[in-house]
C-alpha cells in the first residue's frame, strides 16, 4: 500500500532544493523549505527567485500563493525530510560532509519515529548511512528500525531542471526495502519517469558514475583540442568528421569542466578507491588542466600584442545560458588573468549576471560590460561560454582582432 505524506521538509533551498520544494508543493504536497540564509527564506516567501532557472518562477509563485509552500530557517516537524545541501570537496579532494551532518542533527531534534529521511545531495558511497548514524547519535532514544533512510540523487541539467525533475527516471536507494519503497511513494507524487529501486550505496555510486562517464568523455575532447592546436588542425572540423563514423560520438571541447557535479563527483570515486580509479583520476586532471592551457594562450596573445591591450572575456558561467558560477573554469581563467601582472584591461561579458563576483569586483582594470562595447573596444577576444546571446555576433565585427574561441562558435 502506497504511503501518503501530508507534509514534507526540504532542507537547503539552492539550485536543487528549491525546485524540488516548489514542484512538490505544486503537486499538492504541503511543503516547508528550510535554509540557513534568512535572505533566501525571505525571497522564497515573497515568491522571488534567488537564482535563475527557467520555469521555476511561475511554479514558485503559484505554490506560495496557494499556501502550499513556505520557507523558514528552523526545522519543522514533518513526515518526510529531503536533504539537498552542498557536498563540496576538500583541499585533499575528498567529500566534505559537514553540511549533511549539520542538517542531520537539526532533523534529529524533530523526530518521533517512522519518518522518512532522504539524502538528495550528491555523495560518496556510505554517506547516506553516515547521515543515518549522525541522526541516531543525536537521538539515543531511537533505533535504526525507527527511521526510513534513503538516497535519491538528483540528475537534472541546469537550465532544464523544471522539466527534467518531472520527466527523468529516478534512482531510489534505500537502507532497506521499506525505505526505498517509501521514498518511491513520495517521488511518485510528481515524477513521471521510471522509479528504479536499489540500495543506498549503489544509488550513491550510480550518480557518481554518470558524471564520471561524462567527465572522461569530455577529457578526451579537451585533450584532442590541445593536440589539434599543436598540430595546426581545426579540432571542431576533426570531431565533426570523426563523428560521421556510426559508432563514434565525440563530445565538444571547452575551457575546462565546471558546475557542482561533473567537476566534483569523480573525485569522490577516486577518494573511495584511490588505487583503482586511474582513468577517472587522469580524466579529472586533464580537465582541471585545461583552464591553465587557455590562460597560456591568452598570455601568448598579450605577449605578441601591443602594451595596454584590452582583453574581452565572453562568459563566466560554467555552462551556456545560466547564471551558475560554481566551479566554473571560465571564472577561474578570468580570476587568474586578473591577478597576473599583464597590464591589460579585462572586459568581462556575462549577460546572466548584473555584477561581478567578489574576487573580480575588487580587482583593478576589470569591468562588466555589454557584448557590443566589448567587441568594439577589445584587441583580444576570448570566447569561454557558448551562451545563445554570443552566437549572433557577426564575424565581420571580429575582423582585425585576435580571437581565442574555446567553444568553436566563432571560427
Protein backbone atom coordinates (compact mmCIF):
# COMPACT_ATOMS: atom_id res chain seq x y z
CA UNK A 1 0.00 0.00 0.00
CA UNK A 2 1.41 3.38 -1.03
CA UNK A 3 2.32 5.83 1.71
CA UNK A 4 0.88 9.32 1.83
CA UNK A 5 3.00 12.22 3.06
CA UNK A 6 0.92 15.08 4.44
CA UNK A 7 3.89 17.40 4.82
CA UNK A 8 7.49 17.40 3.65
CA UNK A 9 10.51 19.50 4.64
CA UNK A 10 13.16 20.23 2.02
CA UNK A 11 16.44 21.16 3.69
CA UNK A 12 18.55 23.50 1.56
CA UNK A 13 16.93 25.88 -0.93
CA UNK A 14 19.64 26.00 -3.56
CA UNK A 15 19.67 25.00 -7.21
CA UNK A 16 18.15 21.58 -6.44
CA UNK A 17 16.32 22.05 -3.15
CA UNK A 18 14.17 24.99 -4.20
CA UNK A 19 12.92 23.43 -7.46
CA UNK A 20 12.21 20.19 -5.55
CA UNK A 21 10.24 22.06 -2.89
CA UNK A 22 8.33 24.10 -5.48
CA UNK A 23 7.41 21.05 -7.58
CA UNK A 24 6.31 19.04 -4.53
CA UNK A 25 4.13 21.92 -3.36
CA UNK A 26 2.73 22.43 -6.85
CA UNK A 27 1.67 18.78 -6.87
CA UNK A 28 -0.37 19.10 -3.70
CA UNK A 29 2.20 18.21 -1.03
CA UNK A 30 2.35 20.66 1.87
CA UNK A 31 5.99 21.68 1.81
CA UNK A 32 8.33 23.67 4.06
CA UNK A 33 11.67 24.80 2.68
CA UNK A 34 14.46 25.17 5.22
CA UNK A 35 17.57 27.28 4.67
CA UNK A 36 20.16 28.85 6.96
CA UNK A 37 20.19 32.09 4.94
CA UNK A 38 17.44 34.50 6.07
CA UNK A 39 17.67 36.36 2.76
CA UNK A 40 16.84 33.17 0.84
CA UNK A 41 13.90 32.45 3.14
CA UNK A 42 12.58 35.98 2.66
CA UNK A 43 12.87 35.77 -1.11
CA UNK A 44 11.12 32.40 -1.32
CA UNK A 45 8.25 33.54 0.90
CA UNK A 46 7.87 36.61 -1.32
CA UNK A 47 7.81 34.44 -4.44
CA UNK A 48 11.15 35.82 -5.61
CA UNK A 49 13.88 33.67 -7.17
CA UNK A 50 17.34 33.73 -5.53
CA UNK A 51 18.85 32.47 -8.83
CA UNK A 52 17.96 31.98 -12.48
CA UNK A 53 16.24 28.77 -13.58
CA UNK A 54 13.76 28.79 -16.47
CA UNK A 55 10.22 27.85 -15.45
CA UNK A 56 10.86 27.95 -11.70
CA UNK A 57 9.42 31.39 -11.01
CA UNK A 58 5.90 30.50 -12.18
CA UNK A 59 5.80 27.33 -10.11
CA UNK A 60 7.24 29.10 -7.04
CA UNK A 61 4.74 31.95 -7.25
CA UNK A 62 1.83 29.54 -7.64
CA UNK A 63 2.92 27.32 -4.73
CA UNK A 64 3.48 30.27 -2.38
CA UNK A 65 0.21 31.97 -3.37
CA UNK A 66 -1.75 28.77 -2.65
CA UNK A 67 -0.09 28.40 0.74
CA UNK A 68 1.41 25.05 -0.26
CA UNK A 69 4.99 26.25 0.17
CA UNK A 70 6.65 28.37 2.82
CA UNK A 71 10.25 28.81 3.86
CA UNK A 72 11.87 29.17 7.28
CA UNK A 73 15.23 28.91 8.99
CA UNK A 74 14.21 26.45 11.72
CA UNK A 75 13.50 22.75 11.19
CA UNK A 76 9.78 21.83 11.21
CA UNK A 77 8.07 18.61 12.20
CA UNK A 78 7.37 16.66 9.02
CA UNK A 79 6.51 13.21 7.70
CA UNK A 80 9.49 13.26 5.34
CA UNK A 81 12.70 15.24 5.02
CA UNK A 82 14.65 15.76 1.80
CA UNK A 83 18.24 16.91 2.37
CA UNK A 84 19.60 18.91 -0.57
CA UNK A 85 22.64 20.67 0.88
CA UNK A 86 26.09 21.19 -0.67
CA UNK A 87 28.74 18.46 -0.64
CA UNK A 88 31.91 20.30 -1.70
CA UNK A 89 35.28 18.62 -1.86
CA UNK A 90 38.14 19.48 0.46
CA UNK A 91 41.67 20.51 -0.41
CA UNK A 92 42.51 16.81 -0.13
CA UNK A 93 39.88 16.10 -2.83
CA UNK A 94 37.58 14.17 -0.51
CA UNK A 95 33.92 14.91 0.21
CA UNK A 96 33.10 17.47 2.89
CA UNK A 97 30.01 16.09 4.65
CA UNK A 98 29.74 18.94 7.15
CA UNK A 99 26.52 20.33 5.66
CA UNK A 100 24.89 16.89 5.67
CA UNK A 101 25.91 16.34 9.29
CA UNK A 102 24.51 19.71 10.35
CA UNK A 103 21.21 19.01 8.57
CA UNK A 104 21.03 15.54 10.13
CA UNK A 105 21.48 16.89 13.66
CA UNK A 106 18.80 19.51 13.08
CA UNK A 107 16.36 16.94 11.70
CA UNK A 108 17.08 14.65 14.66
CA UNK A 109 15.55 17.14 17.09
CA UNK A 110 12.12 16.84 15.43
CA UNK A 111 11.80 13.06 15.03
CA UNK A 112 9.35 10.82 16.85
CA UNK A 113 9.93 7.65 14.81
CA UNK A 114 8.71 6.37 11.46
CA UNK A 115 9.78 9.42 9.43
CA UNK A 116 11.41 9.20 6.02
CA UNK A 117 14.75 10.98 5.61
CA UNK A 118 16.10 11.26 2.06
CA UNK A 119 19.55 12.44 1.07
CA UNK A 120 19.49 14.06 -2.38
CA UNK A 121 22.92 15.67 -2.17
CA UNK A 122 25.47 14.01 -4.43
CA UNK A 123 27.59 11.97 -2.05
CA UNK A 124 30.34 9.32 -1.86
CA UNK A 125 29.37 5.71 -1.13
CA UNK A 126 28.42 5.37 2.52
CA UNK A 127 27.27 8.97 3.04
CA UNK A 128 23.60 8.03 3.46
CA UNK A 129 24.50 5.51 6.16
CA UNK A 130 26.68 8.17 7.77
CA UNK A 131 23.73 10.60 7.80
CA UNK A 132 21.59 7.96 9.49
CA UNK A 133 24.30 7.33 12.07
CA UNK A 134 24.61 11.06 12.84
CA UNK A 135 20.86 11.21 13.45
CA UNK A 136 20.94 8.18 15.73
CA UNK A 137 23.92 9.55 17.66
CA UNK A 138 21.92 12.70 18.33
CA UNK A 139 18.84 10.68 19.34
CA UNK A 140 19.94 7.80 21.54
CA UNK A 141 16.25 7.03 22.22
CA UNK A 142 15.72 6.00 18.58
CA UNK A 143 16.79 2.78 16.89
CA UNK A 144 17.75 2.24 13.26
CA UNK A 145 14.40 0.48 12.75
CA UNK A 146 12.61 3.69 13.78
CA UNK A 147 13.84 5.54 10.68
CA UNK A 148 13.37 5.14 6.94
CA UNK A 149 16.51 6.46 5.24
CA UNK A 150 17.19 6.62 1.50
CA UNK A 151 19.39 8.22 -1.13
CA UNK A 152 17.71 9.67 -4.21
CA UNK A 153 20.32 11.60 -6.23
CA UNK A 154 19.23 14.45 -8.43
CA UNK A 155 20.13 14.00 -12.10
CA UNK A 156 18.93 17.17 -13.79
CA UNK A 157 20.52 19.66 -16.15
CA UNK A 158 20.72 23.31 -15.04
CA UNK A 159 18.53 25.31 -17.37
CA UNK A 160 16.12 22.36 -17.74
CA UNK A 161 15.61 21.43 -14.10
CA UNK A 162 11.86 22.05 -14.00
CA UNK A 163 11.29 19.74 -16.95
CA UNK A 164 13.81 17.02 -16.13
CA UNK A 165 12.90 16.78 -12.44
CA UNK A 166 9.49 15.55 -13.56
CA UNK A 167 10.32 13.52 -16.68
CA UNK A 168 13.69 11.89 -15.90
CA UNK A 169 13.90 8.39 -14.47
CA UNK A 170 14.82 8.40 -10.79
CA UNK A 171 17.21 6.14 -8.89
CA UNK A 172 15.99 5.44 -5.36
CA UNK A 173 18.36 3.66 -2.99
CA UNK A 174 17.08 2.67 0.41
CA UNK A 175 18.76 1.46 3.55
CA UNK A 176 16.40 -1.47 3.46
CA UNK A 177 13.49 -2.26 1.14
CA UNK A 178 10.89 -0.43 3.21
CA UNK A 179 12.82 2.85 2.98
CA UNK A 180 13.23 2.51 -0.79
CA UNK A 181 9.53 1.85 -1.26
CA UNK A 182 8.57 4.79 0.96
CA UNK A 183 10.84 7.13 -1.00
CA UNK A 184 9.36 5.80 -4.23
CA UNK A 185 5.88 6.70 -2.98
CA UNK A 186 7.00 10.26 -2.23
CA UNK A 187 8.63 10.88 -5.62
CA UNK A 188 5.66 9.32 -7.38
CA UNK A 189 3.75 12.44 -6.36
CA UNK A 190 5.43 14.35 -9.18
CA UNK A 191 7.89 12.17 -11.07
CA UNK A 192 6.62 10.75 -14.38
CA UNK A 193 9.83 8.85 -15.13
CA UNK A 194 10.57 5.30 -14.06
CA UNK A 195 11.37 4.94 -10.35
CA UNK A 196 14.25 2.49 -10.06
CA UNK A 197 14.78 0.88 -6.66
CA UNK A 198 18.15 -0.26 -5.34
CA UNK A 199 20.24 0.04 -2.17
CA UNK A 200 21.68 3.33 -0.91
CA UNK A 201 25.34 2.67 -1.80
CA UNK A 202 24.50 1.64 -5.35
CA UNK A 203 22.37 4.77 -5.77
CA UNK A 204 25.24 6.93 -4.49
CA UNK A 205 27.68 5.27 -6.87
CA UNK A 206 25.26 5.48 -9.80
CA UNK A 207 25.18 9.28 -9.66
CA UNK A 208 28.97 9.47 -9.41
CA UNK A 209 29.27 7.04 -12.30
CA UNK A 210 27.01 9.10 -14.55
CA UNK A 211 29.06 12.23 -14.02
CA UNK A 212 32.40 10.45 -14.24
CA UNK A 213 31.37 8.96 -17.59
CA UNK A 214 30.72 12.48 -18.84
CA UNK A 215 33.98 13.74 -17.37
CA UNK A 216 36.06 11.02 -19.04
CA UNK A 217 34.49 11.72 -22.43
CA UNK A 218 34.91 15.49 -22.08
CA UNK A 219 38.56 14.91 -21.14
CA UNK A 220 39.06 13.04 -24.41
CA UNK A 221 37.64 16.01 -26.34
CA UNK A 222 39.71 18.50 -24.36
CA UNK A 223 42.89 16.52 -24.91
CA UNK A 224 42.08 16.35 -28.63
CA UNK A 225 41.76 20.14 -28.72
CA UNK A 226 45.22 20.59 -27.16
CA UNK A 227 46.79 18.09 -29.57
CA UNK A 228 44.99 19.59 -32.56
CA UNK A 229 46.17 23.11 -31.70
CA UNK A 230 49.76 21.88 -31.54
CA UNK A 231 49.42 20.17 -34.94
CA UNK A 232 47.59 23.03 -36.64
CA UNK A 233 44.32 21.12 -37.00
CA UNK A 234 40.81 22.57 -36.57
CA UNK A 235 39.51 20.38 -33.72
CA UNK A 236 35.89 21.24 -34.47
CA UNK A 237 36.18 20.00 -38.03
CA UNK A 238 38.12 16.98 -36.82
CA UNK A 239 35.42 15.97 -34.35
CA UNK A 240 32.62 16.58 -36.86
CA UNK A 241 34.34 14.31 -39.36
CA UNK A 242 35.11 11.59 -36.81
CA UNK A 243 31.50 11.64 -35.59
CA UNK A 244 30.33 10.55 -39.03
CA UNK A 245 31.51 7.08 -38.00
CA UNK A 246 28.35 5.21 -36.92
CA UNK A 247 29.85 4.17 -33.57
CA UNK A 248 31.72 7.37 -32.68
CA UNK A 249 30.21 10.28 -30.77
CA UNK A 250 32.96 12.58 -29.51
CA UNK A 251 31.80 15.42 -27.25
CA UNK A 252 32.77 19.07 -27.71
CA UNK A 253 35.84 20.56 -26.00
CA UNK A 254 35.84 23.73 -23.93
CA UNK A 255 37.93 25.71 -21.43
CA UNK A 256 37.53 23.02 -18.77
CA UNK A 257 34.70 21.45 -16.80
CA UNK A 258 32.65 23.23 -14.15
CA UNK A 259 29.50 23.00 -12.10
CA UNK A 260 28.58 21.27 -8.88
CA UNK A 261 28.54 17.76 -10.38
CA UNK A 262 30.94 16.79 -13.16
CA UNK A 263 33.83 18.86 -11.80
CA UNK A 264 33.41 17.39 -8.31
CA UNK A 265 31.82 13.93 -8.31
CA UNK A 266 34.65 11.93 -9.95
CA UNK A 267 36.92 12.87 -7.04
CA UNK A 268 34.51 11.07 -4.70
CA UNK A 269 35.15 7.84 -6.60
CA UNK A 270 38.90 8.46 -6.60
CA UNK A 271 38.79 9.07 -2.85
CA UNK A 272 36.77 5.88 -2.28
CA UNK A 273 39.08 3.69 -4.39
CA UNK A 274 42.37 5.58 -4.94
CA UNK A 275 44.37 2.59 -6.17
CA UNK A 276 41.79 1.52 -8.73
CA UNK A 277 40.35 4.77 -10.14
CA UNK A 278 43.21 5.52 -12.53
CA UNK A 279 41.28 6.50 -15.67
CA UNK A 280 38.81 8.61 -13.69
CA UNK A 281 41.68 10.43 -11.92
CA UNK A 282 43.52 11.10 -15.20
CA UNK A 283 40.38 12.49 -16.83
CA UNK A 284 39.82 14.83 -13.90
CA UNK A 285 43.43 16.02 -14.07
CA UNK A 286 43.12 16.59 -17.83
CA UNK A 287 40.01 18.72 -17.42
CA UNK A 288 41.43 20.59 -14.45
CA UNK A 289 44.49 21.47 -16.53
CA UNK A 290 42.53 22.94 -19.44
CA UNK A 291 41.96 26.41 -17.89
CA UNK A 292 45.73 26.85 -17.50
CA UNK A 293 46.20 25.92 -21.15
CA UNK A 294 43.64 28.53 -22.20
CA UNK A 295 45.28 31.07 -19.91
CA UNK A 296 48.61 30.32 -21.60
CA UNK A 297 47.09 31.09 -24.99
CA UNK A 298 45.79 34.43 -23.70
CA UNK A 299 49.18 35.33 -22.23
CA UNK A 300 50.84 34.40 -25.52
CA UNK A 301 48.44 36.72 -27.38
CA UNK A 302 49.25 39.50 -24.91
CA UNK A 303 52.98 39.00 -25.44
CA UNK A 304 52.51 39.42 -29.18
CA UNK A 305 50.07 42.34 -28.87
CA UNK A 306 50.68 45.96 -28.00
CA UNK A 307 51.20 47.20 -24.46
CA UNK A 308 47.98 48.18 -22.72
CA UNK A 309 45.84 45.73 -24.67
CA UNK A 310 42.19 45.22 -23.81
CA UNK A 311 41.00 41.63 -23.45
CA UNK A 312 37.30 40.83 -23.75
CA UNK A 313 36.29 37.62 -21.98
CA UNK A 314 32.89 36.28 -23.01
CA UNK A 315 31.16 34.21 -20.32
CA UNK A 316 31.72 33.39 -16.64
CA UNK A 317 29.08 30.70 -16.03
CA UNK A 318 30.09 27.03 -16.03
CA UNK A 319 27.77 26.28 -18.98
CA UNK A 320 25.61 28.05 -21.52
CA UNK A 321 22.53 30.13 -20.74
CA UNK A 322 22.64 30.03 -16.92
CA UNK A 323 23.99 32.28 -14.16
CA UNK A 324 25.62 29.47 -12.13
CA UNK A 325 29.32 30.18 -11.50
CA UNK A 326 30.09 27.16 -9.30
CA UNK A 327 33.42 25.54 -10.17
CA UNK A 328 33.38 27.48 -13.44
CA UNK A 329 36.59 27.12 -15.46
CA UNK A 330 35.73 30.37 -17.23
CA UNK A 331 35.57 32.25 -13.95
CA UNK A 332 38.84 30.64 -12.85
CA UNK A 333 40.54 31.79 -16.06
CA UNK A 334 39.37 35.38 -15.62
CA UNK A 335 40.32 35.43 -11.92
CA UNK A 336 43.81 34.12 -12.63
CA UNK A 337 44.29 36.53 -15.51
CA UNK A 338 43.21 39.45 -13.33
CA UNK A 339 45.79 38.51 -10.70
CA UNK A 340 48.69 38.41 -13.15
CA UNK A 341 50.79 41.48 -13.83
CA UNK A 342 49.81 41.53 -17.50
CA UNK A 343 48.92 45.22 -17.63
CA UNK A 344 45.84 44.53 -19.72
CA UNK A 345 42.32 45.84 -19.13
CA UNK A 346 39.82 43.00 -18.80
CA UNK A 347 36.35 43.50 -20.27
CA UNK A 348 34.01 40.82 -18.93
CA UNK A 349 30.77 39.98 -20.74
CA UNK A 350 28.24 37.82 -18.90
CA UNK A 351 24.61 38.54 -19.83
CA UNK A 352 23.21 36.42 -16.99
CA UNK A 353 24.63 38.39 -14.06
CA UNK A 354 24.28 42.03 -13.02
CA UNK A 355 27.53 42.49 -11.11
CA UNK A 356 30.95 40.92 -10.99
CA UNK A 357 31.61 38.20 -8.39
CA UNK A 358 33.53 39.41 -5.31
CA UNK A 359 37.03 38.36 -6.39
CA UNK A 360 36.72 40.25 -9.66
CA UNK A 361 34.81 43.24 -8.30
CA UNK A 362 37.81 44.26 -6.19
CA UNK A 363 40.37 43.95 -8.99
CA UNK A 364 41.59 46.96 -10.89
CA UNK A 365 41.10 47.10 -14.66
CA UNK A 366 38.22 44.60 -14.61
CA UNK A 367 34.75 45.68 -15.70
CA UNK A 368 31.44 44.05 -16.65
CA UNK A 369 30.22 45.48 -19.96
CA UNK A 370 27.97 44.72 -22.92
CA UNK A 371 28.77 42.48 -25.88
CA UNK A 372 28.74 45.36 -28.33
CA UNK A 373 31.08 47.54 -26.31
CA UNK A 374 33.49 44.67 -25.60
CA UNK A 375 33.80 43.79 -29.28
CA UNK A 376 34.29 47.41 -30.21
CA UNK A 377 36.98 48.13 -27.61
CA UNK A 378 38.92 44.86 -27.28
CA UNK A 379 42.11 43.89 -29.06
CA UNK A 380 41.90 40.26 -27.90
CA UNK A 381 38.59 38.41 -27.70
CA UNK A 382 38.23 35.16 -25.73
CA UNK A 383 35.04 33.10 -26.05
CA UNK A 384 34.67 30.97 -22.89
CA UNK A 385 30.95 30.13 -22.74
CA UNK A 386 28.67 29.45 -25.70
CA UNK A 387 25.70 31.47 -24.49
CA UNK A 388 23.00 31.88 -27.12
CA UNK A 389 23.49 35.63 -26.81
CA UNK A 390 27.00 35.26 -28.24
CA UNK A 391 26.03 33.11 -31.22
CA UNK A 392 24.53 36.07 -33.06
CA UNK A 393 27.78 38.02 -33.18
CA UNK A 394 28.59 38.98 -36.79
CA UNK A 395 32.03 37.54 -37.73
CA UNK A 396 32.73 40.80 -39.56
CA UNK A 397 32.86 42.52 -36.16
CA UNK A 398 35.78 40.30 -35.16
CA UNK A 399 37.97 41.11 -38.14
CA UNK A 400 41.37 42.53 -37.20
CA UNK A 401 41.16 41.20 -33.64
CA UNK A 402 42.89 38.24 -32.03
CA UNK A 403 40.16 35.68 -31.33
CA UNK A 404 40.56 32.70 -28.97
CA UNK A 405 37.40 30.62 -29.30
CA UNK A 406 37.28 27.76 -26.79
CA UNK A 407 33.77 26.72 -27.86
CA UNK A 408 34.02 26.76 -31.65
CA UNK A 409 31.12 29.13 -32.37
CA UNK A 410 33.16 31.98 -33.91
CA UNK A 411 35.61 30.01 -36.02
